[in-house]
């Protein structure tokens, strides 16, 4: 099997919030949909709460919200990073972040 000439870039971000109340979590997820979904070159978008029922030894439980975007190229990812809607999300949400972990990989 020949890999694609331009691999997709998976951008996975795990947020630990200072305020993890139901209202704060709902607001955060709504903001992610508003500002991060539908960017050019993004072929998959997902945001949601940690699956509390999965508490095996291998499960990382130190986050509240997971965000996963798949871009059709490195260039699309780079464009997203500087997009006004993405920067607006960061500007409005970062005050509630106690920890953010980003994992970028190719597929």
PDB file of N, CA and C in Angstrom:
ATOM      1  N   UNK A   1       0.855  -1.186   0.000  1.00  0.00           N
ATOM      2  CA  UNK A   1       0.000   0.000   0.000  1.00  0.00           C
ATOM      3  C   UNK A   1       0.892   1.238   0.000  1.00  0.00           C
ATOM      4  N   UNK A   2       0.625   2.149  -0.886  1.00  0.00           N
ATOM      5  CA  UNK A   2       1.409   3.374  -0.996  1.00  0.00           C
ATOM      6  C   UNK A   2       0.765   4.468  -0.156  1.00  0.00           C
ATOM      7  N   UNK A   3       1.540   5.117   0.727  1.00  0.00           N
ATOM      8  CA  UNK A   3       0.962   6.205   1.531  1.00  0.00           C
ATOM      9  C   UNK A   3       0.613   7.391   0.646  1.00  0.00           C
ATOM     10  N   UNK A   4      -0.353   8.204   1.060  1.00  0.00           N
ATOM     11  CA  UNK A   4      -0.720   9.369   0.260  1.00  0.00           C
ATOM     12  C   UNK A   4       0.463  10.330   0.144  1.00  0.00           C
ATOM     13  N   UNK A   5       0.533  11.040  -0.981  1.00  0.00           N
ATOM     14  CA  UNK A   5       1.621  11.995  -1.206  1.00  0.00           C
ATOM     15  C   UNK A   5       1.609  13.088  -0.144  1.00  0.00           C
ATOM     16  N   UNK A   6       0.432  13.518   0.244  1.00  0.00           N
ATOM     17  CA  UNK A   6       0.297  14.524   1.285  1.00  0.00           C
ATOM     18  C   UNK A   6      -0.447  13.891   2.458  1.00  0.00           C
ATOM     19  N   UNK A   7       0.269  13.547   3.520  1.00  0.00           N
ATOM     20  CA  UNK A   7      -0.419  12.912   4.656  1.00  0.00           C
ATOM     21  C   UNK A   7      -1.340  13.884   5.380  1.00  0.00           C
ATOM     22  N   UNK A   8      -2.377  13.338   5.957  1.00  0.00           N
ATOM     23  CA  UNK A   8      -3.277  14.143   6.784  1.00  0.00           C
ATOM     24  C   UNK A   8      -2.587  14.441   8.107  1.00  0.00           C
ATOM     25  N   UNK A   9      -2.911  15.580   8.695  1.00  0.00           N
ATOM     26  CA  UNK A   9      -2.354  15.940   9.991  1.00  0.00           C
ATOM     27  C   UNK A   9      -3.452  15.874  11.041  1.00  0.00           C
ATOM     28  N   UNK A  10      -3.238  15.089  12.074  1.00  0.00           N
ATOM     29  CA  UNK A  10      -4.187  14.970  13.184  1.00  0.00           C
ATOM     30  C   UNK A  10      -3.726  15.910  14.290  1.00  0.00           C
ATOM     31  N   UNK A  11      -4.606  16.812  14.673  1.00  0.00           N
ATOM     32  CA  UNK A  11      -4.327  17.818  15.710  1.00  0.00           C
ATOM     33  C   UNK A  11      -5.249  17.506  16.887  1.00  0.00           C
ATOM     34  N   UNK A  12      -4.682  16.894  17.937  1.00  0.00           N
ATOM     35  CA  UNK A  12      -5.457  16.501  19.121  1.00  0.00           C
ATOM     36  C   UNK A  12      -5.042  17.367  20.294  1.00  0.00           C
ATOM     37  N   UNK A  13      -6.035  17.970  20.951  1.00  0.00           N
ATOM     38  CA  UNK A  13      -5.767  18.896  22.054  1.00  0.00           C
ATOM     39  C   UNK A  13      -6.609  18.464  23.256  1.00  0.00           C
ATOM     40  N   UNK A  14      -5.954  18.396  24.413  1.00  0.00           N
ATOM     41  CA  UNK A  14      -6.622  17.985  25.645  1.00  0.00           C
ATOM     42  C   UNK A  14      -6.552  19.128  26.642  1.00  0.00           C
ATOM     43  N   UNK A  15      -7.728  19.591  27.074  1.00  0.00           N
ATOM     44  CA  UNK A  15      -7.848  20.758  27.938  1.00  0.00           C
ATOM     45  C   UNK A  15      -8.243  20.355  29.355  1.00  0.00           C
ATOM     46  N   UNK A  16      -7.488  20.845  30.318  1.00  0.00           N
ATOM     47  CA  UNK A  16      -7.886  20.777  31.719  1.00  0.00           C
ATOM     48  C   UNK A  16      -8.315  22.186  32.078  1.00  0.00           C
ATOM     49  N   UNK A  17      -9.533  22.314  32.574  1.00  0.00           N
ATOM     50  CA  UNK A  17     -10.098  23.636  32.845  1.00  0.00           C
ATOM     51  C   UNK A  17     -10.040  23.967  34.326  1.00  0.00           C
ATOM     52  N   UNK A  18      -9.890  25.243  34.610  1.00  0.00           N
ATOM     53  CA  UNK A  18      -9.931  25.714  35.992  1.00  0.00           C
ATOM     54  C   UNK A  18     -11.351  25.571  36.537  1.00  0.00           C
ATOM     55  N   UNK A  19     -12.322  26.027  35.760  1.00  0.00           N
ATOM     56  CA  UNK A  19     -13.732  25.885  36.110  1.00  0.00           C
ATOM     57  C   UNK A  19     -14.296  24.746  35.273  1.00  0.00           C
ATOM     58  N   UNK A  20     -14.567  23.621  35.908  1.00  0.00           N
ATOM     59  CA  UNK A  20     -15.100  22.466  35.180  1.00  0.00           C
ATOM     60  C   UNK A  20     -16.569  22.214  35.527  1.00  0.00           C
ATOM     61  N   UNK A  21     -17.264  23.284  35.900  1.00  0.00           N
ATOM     62  CA  UNK A  21     -18.703  23.151  36.155  1.00  0.00           C
ATOM     63  C   UNK A  21     -19.410  22.784  34.853  1.00  0.00           C
ATOM     64  N   UNK A  22     -20.591  22.233  34.960  1.00  0.00           N
ATOM     65  CA  UNK A  22     -21.365  21.871  33.769  1.00  0.00           C
ATOM     66  C   UNK A  22     -21.551  23.062  32.840  1.00  0.00           C
ATOM     67  N   UNK A  23     -21.820  24.226  33.410  1.00  0.00           N
ATOM     68  CA  UNK A  23     -22.034  25.430  32.608  1.00  0.00           C
ATOM     69  C   UNK A  23     -20.760  25.812  31.855  1.00  0.00           C
ATOM     70  N   UNK A  24     -19.614  25.758  32.531  1.00  0.00           N
ATOM     71  CA  UNK A  24     -18.341  26.109  31.899  1.00  0.00           C
ATOM     72  C   UNK A  24     -17.982  25.116  30.799  1.00  0.00           C
ATOM     73  N   UNK A  25     -18.199  23.841  31.053  1.00  0.00           N
ATOM     74  CA  UNK A  25     -17.904  22.825  30.046  1.00  0.00           C
ATOM     75  C   UNK A  25     -18.793  23.006  28.816  1.00  0.00           C
ATOM     76  N   UNK A  26     -20.071  23.249  29.035  1.00  0.00           N
ATOM     77  CA  UNK A  26     -21.002  23.465  27.931  1.00  0.00           C
ATOM     78  C   UNK A  26     -20.606  24.694  27.122  1.00  0.00           C
ATOM     79  N   UNK A  27     -20.251  25.764  27.799  1.00  0.00           N
ATOM     80  CA  UNK A  27     -19.833  26.997  27.120  1.00  0.00           C
ATOM     81  C   UNK A  27     -18.561  26.769  26.307  1.00  0.00           C
ATOM     82  N   UNK A  28     -17.614  26.044  26.871  1.00  0.00           N
ATOM     83  CA  UNK A  28     -16.359  25.752  26.188  1.00  0.00           C
ATOM     84  C   UNK A  28     -16.611  24.968  24.901  1.00  0.00           C
ATOM     85  N   UNK A  29     -17.429  23.940  24.988  1.00  0.00           N
ATOM     86  CA  UNK A  29     -17.721  23.101  23.827  1.00  0.00           C
ATOM     87  C   UNK A  29     -18.479  23.898  22.764  1.00  0.00           C
ATOM     88  N   UNK A  30     -19.420  24.728  23.179  1.00  0.00           N
ATOM     89  CA  UNK A  30     -20.140  25.579  22.223  1.00  0.00           C
ATOM     90  C   UNK A  30     -19.180  26.525  21.515  1.00  0.00           C
ATOM     91  N   UNK A  31     -18.239  27.096  22.255  1.00  0.00           N
ATOM     92  CA  UNK A  31     -17.258  27.996  21.667  1.00  0.00           C
ATOM     93  C   UNK A  31     -16.360  27.258  20.674  1.00  0.00           C
ATOM     94  N   UNK A  32     -15.985  26.032  21.006  1.00  0.00           N
ATOM     95  CA  UNK A  32     -15.167  25.235  20.083  1.00  0.00           C
ATOM     96  C   UNK A  32     -15.912  25.009  18.772  1.00  0.00           C
ATOM     97  N   UNK A  33     -17.190  24.663  18.851  1.00  0.00           N
ATOM     98  CA  UNK A  33     -17.981  24.480  17.625  1.00  0.00           C
ATOM     99  C   UNK A  33     -18.041  25.773  16.832  1.00  0.00           C
ATOM    100  N   UNK A  34     -18.297  26.871  17.512  1.00  0.00           N
ATOM    101  CA  UNK A  34     -18.437  28.161  16.835  1.00  0.00           C
ATOM    102  C   UNK A  34     -17.146  28.604  16.156  1.00  0.00           C
ATOM    103  N   UNK A  35     -16.025  28.449  16.826  1.00  0.00           N
ATOM    104  CA  UNK A  35     -14.772  29.023  16.337  1.00  0.00           C
ATOM    105  C   UNK A  35     -13.837  28.050  15.625  1.00  0.00           C
ATOM    106  N   UNK A  36     -13.978  26.752  15.879  1.00  0.00           N
ATOM    107  CA  UNK A  36     -12.986  25.810  15.375  1.00  0.00           C
ATOM    108  C   UNK A  36     -13.513  24.861  14.307  1.00  0.00           C
ATOM    109  N   UNK A  37     -14.801  24.696  14.227  1.00  0.00           N
ATOM    110  CA  UNK A  37     -15.383  23.776  13.253  1.00  0.00           C
ATOM    111  C   UNK A  37     -15.502  24.467  11.890  1.00  0.00           C
ATOM    112  N   UNK A  38     -15.275  23.696  10.826  1.00  0.00           N
ATOM    113  CA  UNK A  38     -15.537  24.194   9.482  1.00  0.00           C
ATOM    114  C   UNK A  38     -14.421  24.994   8.839  1.00  0.00           C
ATOM    115  N   UNK A  39     -13.214  24.883   9.343  1.00  0.00           N
ATOM    116  CA  UNK A  39     -12.095  25.579   8.709  1.00  0.00           C
ATOM    117  C   UNK A  39     -11.712  24.885   7.405  1.00  0.00           C
ATOM    118  N   UNK A  40     -11.246  25.670   6.446  1.00  0.00           N
ATOM    119  CA  UNK A  40     -10.822  25.133   5.163  1.00  0.00           C
ATOM    120  C   UNK A  40      -9.717  24.094   5.374  1.00  0.00           C
ATOM    121  N   UNK A  41      -9.859  22.969   4.723  1.00  0.00           N
ATOM    122  CA  UNK A  41      -8.870  21.905   4.822  1.00  0.00           C
ATOM    123  C   UNK A  41      -9.072  20.964   5.993  1.00  0.00           C
ATOM    124  N   UNK A  42     -10.047  21.245   6.854  1.00  0.00           N
ATOM    125  CA  UNK A  42     -10.338  20.356   7.981  1.00  0.00           C
ATOM    126  C   UNK A  42     -11.343  19.308   7.496  1.00  0.00           C
ATOM    127  N   UNK A  43     -10.931  18.044   7.526  1.00  0.00           N
ATOM    128  CA  UNK A  43     -11.786  16.973   7.015  1.00  0.00           C
ATOM    129  C   UNK A  43     -12.533  16.235   8.120  1.00  0.00           C
ATOM    130  N   UNK A  44     -12.164  16.496   9.375  1.00  0.00           N
ATOM    131  CA  UNK A  44     -12.866  15.882  10.500  1.00  0.00           C
ATOM    132  C   UNK A  44     -12.706  16.773  11.728  1.00  0.00           C
ATOM    133  N   UNK A  45     -13.794  16.921  12.473  1.00  0.00           N
ATOM    134  CA  UNK A  45     -13.803  17.750  13.684  1.00  0.00           C
ATOM    135  C   UNK A  45     -14.556  17.005  14.769  1.00  0.00           C
ATOM    136  N   UNK A  46     -14.006  17.007  15.973  1.00  0.00           N
ATOM    137  CA  UNK A  46     -14.707  16.426  17.110  1.00  0.00           C
ATOM    138  C   UNK A  46     -14.289  17.113  18.389  1.00  0.00           C
ATOM    139  N   UNK A  47     -15.253  17.374  19.260  1.00  0.00           N
ATOM    140  CA  UNK A  47     -14.972  17.948  20.570  1.00  0.00           C
ATOM    141  C   UNK A  47     -15.942  17.317  21.559  1.00  0.00           C
ATOM    142  N   UNK A  48     -15.438  16.965  22.744  1.00  0.00           N
ATOM    143  CA  UNK A  48     -16.328  16.360  23.723  1.00  0.00           C
ATOM    144  C   UNK A  48     -15.662  16.160  25.064  1.00  0.00           C
ATOM    145  N   UNK A  49     -16.486  15.760  26.013  1.00  0.00           N
ATOM    146  CA  UNK A  49     -16.033  15.534  27.381  1.00  0.00           C
ATOM    147  C   UNK A  49     -15.293  14.209  27.503  1.00  0.00           C
ATOM    148  N   UNK A  50     -14.409  14.136  28.480  1.00  0.00           N
ATOM    149  CA  UNK A  50     -13.719  12.894  28.806  1.00  0.00           C
ATOM    150  C   UNK A  50     -14.767  11.822  29.118  1.00  0.00           C
ATOM    151  N   UNK A  51     -14.530  10.607  28.654  1.00  0.00           N
ATOM    152  CA  UNK A  51     -15.441   9.491  28.899  1.00  0.00           C
ATOM    153  C   UNK A  51     -15.166   8.953  30.304  1.00  0.00           C
ATOM    154  N   UNK A  52     -15.907   9.432  31.271  1.00  0.00           N
ATOM    155  CA  UNK A  52     -15.689   9.104  32.685  1.00  0.00           C
ATOM    156  C   UNK A  52     -15.719   7.602  32.964  1.00  0.00           C
ATOM    157  N   UNK A  53     -16.513   6.858  32.197  1.00  0.00           N
ATOM    158  CA  UNK A  53     -16.661   5.429  32.474  1.00  0.00           C
ATOM    159  C   UNK A  53     -15.416   4.628  32.089  1.00  0.00           C
ATOM    160  N   UNK A  54     -14.505   5.224  31.348  1.00  0.00           N
ATOM    161  CA  UNK A  54     -13.276   4.523  30.948  1.00  0.00           C
ATOM    162  C   UNK A  54     -12.161   4.890  31.914  1.00  0.00           C
ATOM    163  N   UNK A  55     -11.981   4.061  32.916  1.00  0.00           N
ATOM    164  CA  UNK A  55     -10.998   4.340  33.959  1.00  0.00           C
ATOM    165  C   UNK A  55     -10.042   3.166  34.138  1.00  0.00           C
ATOM    166  N   UNK A  56      -9.519   2.682  33.015  1.00  0.00           N
ATOM    167  CA  UNK A  56      -8.509   1.632  33.084  1.00  0.00           C
ATOM    168  C   UNK A  56      -7.159   2.264  33.424  1.00  0.00           C
ATOM    169  N   UNK A  57      -6.187   1.459  33.770  1.00  0.00           N
ATOM    170  CA  UNK A  57      -4.859   1.967  34.118  1.00  0.00           C
ATOM    171  C   UNK A  57      -4.243   2.789  32.994  1.00  0.00           C
ATOM    172  N   UNK A  58      -4.560   2.468  31.752  1.00  0.00           N
ATOM    173  CA  UNK A  58      -3.950   3.165  30.616  1.00  0.00           C
ATOM    174  C   UNK A  58      -4.671   4.460  30.243  1.00  0.00           C
ATOM    175  N   UNK A  59      -5.842   4.702  30.817  1.00  0.00           N
ATOM    176  CA  UNK A  59      -6.597   5.908  30.484  1.00  0.00           C
ATOM    177  C   UNK A  59      -6.087   7.120  31.257  1.00  0.00           C
ATOM    178  N   UNK A  60      -5.778   8.167  30.526  1.00  0.00           N
ATOM    179  CA  UNK A  60      -5.383   9.444  31.121  1.00  0.00           C
ATOM    180  C   UNK A  60      -6.665  10.157  31.553  1.00  0.00           C
ATOM    181  N   UNK A  61      -6.779  10.460  32.823  1.00  0.00           N
ATOM    182  CA  UNK A  61      -7.989  11.093  33.353  1.00  0.00           C
ATOM    183  C   UNK A  61      -7.750  12.557  33.725  1.00  0.00           C
ATOM    184  N   UNK A  62      -6.637  13.123  33.298  1.00  0.00           N
ATOM    185  CA  UNK A  62      -6.274  14.471  33.702  1.00  0.00           C
ATOM    186  C   UNK A  62      -6.642  15.516  32.661  1.00  0.00           C
ATOM    187  N   UNK A  63      -7.855  15.436  32.134  1.00  0.00           N
ATOM    188  CA  UNK A  63      -8.367  16.464  31.227  1.00  0.00           C
ATOM    189  C   UNK A  63      -9.885  16.462  31.315  1.00  0.00           C
ATOM    190  N   UNK A  64     -10.478  17.547  30.881  1.00  0.00           N
ATOM    191  CA  UNK A  64     -11.937  17.661  30.875  1.00  0.00           C
ATOM    192  C   UNK A  64     -12.521  17.554  29.468  1.00  0.00           C
ATOM    193  N   UNK A  65     -11.852  18.204  28.488  1.00  0.00           N
ATOM    194  CA  UNK A  65     -12.381  18.269  27.129  1.00  0.00           C
ATOM    195  C   UNK A  65     -11.298  17.856  26.139  1.00  0.00           C
ATOM    196  N   UNK A  66     -11.689  17.026  25.174  1.00  0.00           N
ATOM    197  CA  UNK A  66     -10.796  16.616  24.091  1.00  0.00           C
ATOM    198  C   UNK A  66     -11.284  17.237  22.790  1.00  0.00           C
ATOM    199  N   UNK A  67     -10.333  17.707  22.004  1.00  0.00           N
ATOM    200  CA  UNK A  67     -10.618  18.302  20.699  1.00  0.00           C
ATOM    201  C   UNK A  67      -9.744  17.597  19.678  1.00  0.00           C
ATOM    202  N   UNK A  68     -10.346  17.113  18.596  1.00  0.00           N
ATOM    203  CA  UNK A  68      -9.576  16.460  17.538  1.00  0.00           C
ATOM    204  C   UNK A  68      -9.999  17.024  16.193  1.00  0.00           C
ATOM    205  N   UNK A  69      -9.008  17.516  15.456  1.00  0.00           N
ATOM    206  CA  UNK A  69      -9.224  17.992  14.095  1.00  0.00           C
ATOM    207  C   UNK A  69      -8.274  17.233  13.185  1.00  0.00           C
ATOM    208  N   UNK A  70      -8.760  16.859  12.011  1.00  0.00           N
ATOM    209  CA  UNK A  70      -7.913  16.214  11.012  1.00  0.00           C
ATOM    210  C   UNK A  70      -7.884  17.135   9.803  1.00  0.00           C
ATOM    211  N   UNK A  71      -6.666  17.520   9.414  1.00  0.00           N
ATOM    212  CA  UNK A  71      -6.479  18.416   8.279  1.00  0.00           C
ATOM    213  C   UNK A  71      -5.962  17.628   7.083  1.00  0.00           C
ATOM    214  N   UNK A  72      -6.346  18.065   5.897  1.00  0.00           N
ATOM    215  CA  UNK A  72      -5.925  17.355   4.694  1.00  0.00           C
ATOM    216  C   UNK A  72      -4.455  17.565   4.345  1.00  0.00           C
ATOM    217  N   UNK A  73      -3.792  18.509   5.057  1.00  0.00           N
ATOM    218  CA  UNK A  73      -2.379  18.759   4.794  1.00  0.00           C
ATOM    219  C   UNK A  73      -1.763  19.572   5.928  1.00  0.00           C
ATOM    220  N   UNK A  74      -0.457  19.599   5.963  1.00  0.00           N
ATOM    221  CA  UNK A  74       0.265  20.460   6.900  1.00  0.00           C
ATOM    222  C   UNK A  74      -0.081  21.922   6.632  1.00  0.00           C
ATOM    223  N   UNK A  75      -0.193  22.285   5.362  1.00  0.00           N
ATOM    224  CA  UNK A  75      -0.509  23.670   5.007  1.00  0.00           C
ATOM    225  C   UNK A  75      -1.868  24.090   5.561  1.00  0.00           C
ATOM    226  N   UNK A  76      -2.862  23.205   5.495  1.00  0.00           N
ATOM    227  CA  UNK A  76      -4.192  23.527   6.030  1.00  0.00           C
ATOM    228  C   UNK A  76      -4.114  23.720   7.542  1.00  0.00           C
ATOM    229  N   UNK A  77      -3.353  22.872   8.208  1.00  0.00           N
ATOM    230  CA  UNK A  77      -3.158  23.020   9.655  1.00  0.00           C
ATOM    231  C   UNK A  77      -2.509  24.363   9.977  1.00  0.00           C
ATOM    232  N   UNK A  78      -1.469  24.713   9.231  1.00  0.00           N
ATOM    233  CA  UNK A  78      -0.753  25.965   9.477  1.00  0.00           C
ATOM    234  C   UNK A  78      -1.664  27.171   9.254  1.00  0.00           C
ATOM    235  N   UNK A  79      -2.522  27.095   8.241  1.00  0.00           N
ATOM    236  CA  UNK A  79      -3.470  28.175   7.968  1.00  0.00           C
ATOM    237  C   UNK A  79      -4.477  28.298   9.123  1.00  0.00           C
ATOM    238  N   UNK A  80      -4.954  27.171   9.619  1.00  0.00           N
ATOM    239  CA  UNK A  80      -5.881  27.142  10.753  1.00  0.00           C
ATOM    240  C   UNK A  80      -5.265  27.818  11.981  1.00  0.00           C
ATOM    241  N   UNK A  81      -3.984  27.558  12.231  1.00  0.00           N
ATOM    242  CA  UNK A  81      -3.339  28.117  13.416  1.00  0.00           C
ATOM    243  C   UNK A  81      -3.392  29.647  13.440  1.00  0.00           C
ATOM    244  N   UNK A  82      -3.395  30.278  12.285  1.00  0.00           N
ATOM    245  CA  UNK A  82      -3.408  31.741  12.206  1.00  0.00           C
ATOM    246  C   UNK A  82      -4.781  32.318  11.863  1.00  0.00           C
ATOM    247  N   UNK A  83      -5.775  31.467  11.706  1.00  0.00           N
ATOM    248  CA  UNK A  83      -7.117  31.914  11.323  1.00  0.00           C
ATOM    249  C   UNK A  83      -7.754  32.760  12.429  1.00  0.00           C
ATOM    250  N   UNK A  84      -8.406  33.850  12.070  1.00  0.00           N
ATOM    251  CA  UNK A  84      -9.034  34.725  13.070  1.00  0.00           C
ATOM    252  C   UNK A  84      -9.986  34.004  14.022  1.00  0.00           C
ATOM    253  N   UNK A  85     -10.778  33.046  13.524  1.00  0.00           N
ATOM    254  CA  UNK A  85     -11.711  32.329  14.410  1.00  0.00           C
ATOM    255  C   UNK A  85     -10.958  31.480  15.425  1.00  0.00           C
ATOM    256  N   UNK A  86      -9.857  30.852  15.017  1.00  0.00           N
ATOM    257  CA  UNK A  86      -9.048  30.069  15.947  1.00  0.00           C
ATOM    258  C   UNK A  86      -8.432  30.974  16.998  1.00  0.00           C
ATOM    259  N   UNK A  87      -7.896  32.104  16.577  1.00  0.00           N
ATOM    260  CA  UNK A  87      -7.288  33.050  17.518  1.00  0.00           C
ATOM    261  C   UNK A  87      -8.328  33.624  18.470  1.00  0.00           C
ATOM    262  N   UNK A  88      -9.557  33.822  17.989  1.00  0.00           N
ATOM    263  CA  UNK A  88     -10.652  34.304  18.845  1.00  0.00           C
ATOM    264  C   UNK A  88     -10.981  33.263  19.915  1.00  0.00           C
ATOM    265  N   UNK A  89     -10.990  31.986  19.532  1.00  0.00           N
ATOM    266  CA  UNK A  89     -11.236  30.913  20.499  1.00  0.00           C
ATOM    267  C   UNK A  89     -10.183  30.959  21.605  1.00  0.00           C
ATOM    268  N   UNK A  90      -8.928  31.045  21.219  1.00  0.00           N
ATOM    269  CA  UNK A  90      -7.847  31.107  22.204  1.00  0.00           C
ATOM    270  C   UNK A  90      -8.025  32.318  23.104  1.00  0.00           C
ATOM    271  N   UNK A  91      -8.282  33.470  22.502  1.00  0.00           N
ATOM    272  CA  UNK A  91      -8.411  34.721  23.256  1.00  0.00           C
ATOM    273  C   UNK A  91      -9.543  34.660  24.285  1.00  0.00           C
ATOM    274  N   UNK A  92     -10.651  34.046  23.919  1.00  0.00           N
ATOM    275  CA  UNK A  92     -11.806  34.013  24.829  1.00  0.00           C
ATOM    276  C   UNK A  92     -11.759  32.864  25.827  1.00  0.00           C
ATOM    277  N   UNK A  93     -11.049  31.789  25.500  1.00  0.00           N
ATOM    278  CA  UNK A  93     -11.083  30.598  26.356  1.00  0.00           C
ATOM    279  C   UNK A  93      -9.862  30.406  27.249  1.00  0.00           C
ATOM    280  N   UNK A  94      -8.703  30.950  26.888  1.00  0.00           N
ATOM    281  CA  UNK A  94      -7.490  30.640  27.650  1.00  0.00           C
ATOM    282  C   UNK A  94      -7.566  31.001  29.127  1.00  0.00           C
ATOM    283  N   UNK A  95      -8.342  32.009  29.549  1.00  0.00           N
ATOM    284  CA  UNK A  95      -8.369  32.291  30.990  1.00  0.00           C
ATOM    285  C   UNK A  95      -8.857  31.113  31.848  1.00  0.00           C
ATOM    286  N   UNK A  96      -9.588  30.178  31.241  1.00  0.00           N
ATOM    287  CA  UNK A  96     -10.097  29.032  31.998  1.00  0.00           C
ATOM    288  C   UNK A  96      -9.229  27.785  31.825  1.00  0.00           C
ATOM    289  N   UNK A  97      -8.091  27.905  31.170  1.00  0.00           N
ATOM    290  CA  UNK A  97      -7.225  26.749  30.968  1.00  0.00           C
ATOM    291  C   UNK A  97      -6.232  26.625  32.111  1.00  0.00           C
ATOM    292  N   UNK A  98      -6.200  25.470  32.747  1.00  0.00           N
ATOM    293  CA  UNK A  98      -5.144  25.235  33.733  1.00  0.00           C
ATOM    294  C   UNK A  98      -4.026  24.397  33.104  1.00  0.00           C
ATOM    295  N   UNK A  99      -4.380  23.626  32.055  1.00  0.00           N
ATOM    296  CA  UNK A  99      -3.372  22.832  31.348  1.00  0.00           C
ATOM    297  C   UNK A  99      -3.905  22.508  29.954  1.00  0.00           C
ATOM    298  N   UNK A 100      -3.032  22.619  28.965  1.00  0.00           N
ATOM    299  CA  UNK A 100      -3.386  22.271  27.593  1.00  0.00           C
ATOM    300  C   UNK A 100      -2.266  21.405  27.037  1.00  0.00           C
ATOM    301  N   UNK A 101      -2.650  20.262  26.469  1.00  0.00           N
ATOM    302  CA  UNK A 101      -1.666  19.380  25.843  1.00  0.00           C
ATOM    303  C   UNK A 101      -2.049  19.196  24.394  1.00  0.00           C
ATOM    304  N   UNK A 102      -1.079  19.369  23.504  1.00  0.00           N
ATOM    305  CA  UNK A 102      -1.314  19.263  22.066  1.00  0.00           C
ATOM    306  C   UNK A 102      -0.489  18.108  21.525  1.00  0.00           C
ATOM    307  N   UNK A 103      -1.147  17.253  20.736  1.00  0.00           N
ATOM    308  CA  UNK A 103      -0.491  16.125  20.087  1.00  0.00           C
ATOM    309  C   UNK A 103      -0.786  16.206  18.592  1.00  0.00           C
ATOM    310  N   UNK A 104       0.242  16.450  17.798  1.00  0.00           N
ATOM    311  CA  UNK A 104       0.101  16.501  16.345  1.00  0.00           C
ATOM    312  C   UNK A 104       0.779  15.272  15.755  1.00  0.00           C
ATOM    313  N   UNK A 105       0.110  14.622  14.825  1.00  0.00           N
ATOM    314  CA  UNK A 105       0.672  13.433  14.182  1.00  0.00           C
ATOM    315  C   UNK A 105       0.168  13.352  12.747  1.00  0.00           C
ATOM    316  N   UNK A 106       0.885  12.585  11.937  1.00  0.00           N
ATOM    317  CA  UNK A 106       0.483  12.366  10.553  1.00  0.00           C
ATOM    318  C   UNK A 106      -0.221  11.020  10.402  1.00  0.00           C
ATOM    319  N   UNK A 107      -1.140  10.982   9.461  1.00  0.00           N
ATOM    320  CA  UNK A 107      -1.848   9.729   9.156  1.00  0.00           C
ATOM    321  C   UNK A 107      -1.841   9.525   7.652  1.00  0.00           C
TER     322      UNK A 107
END
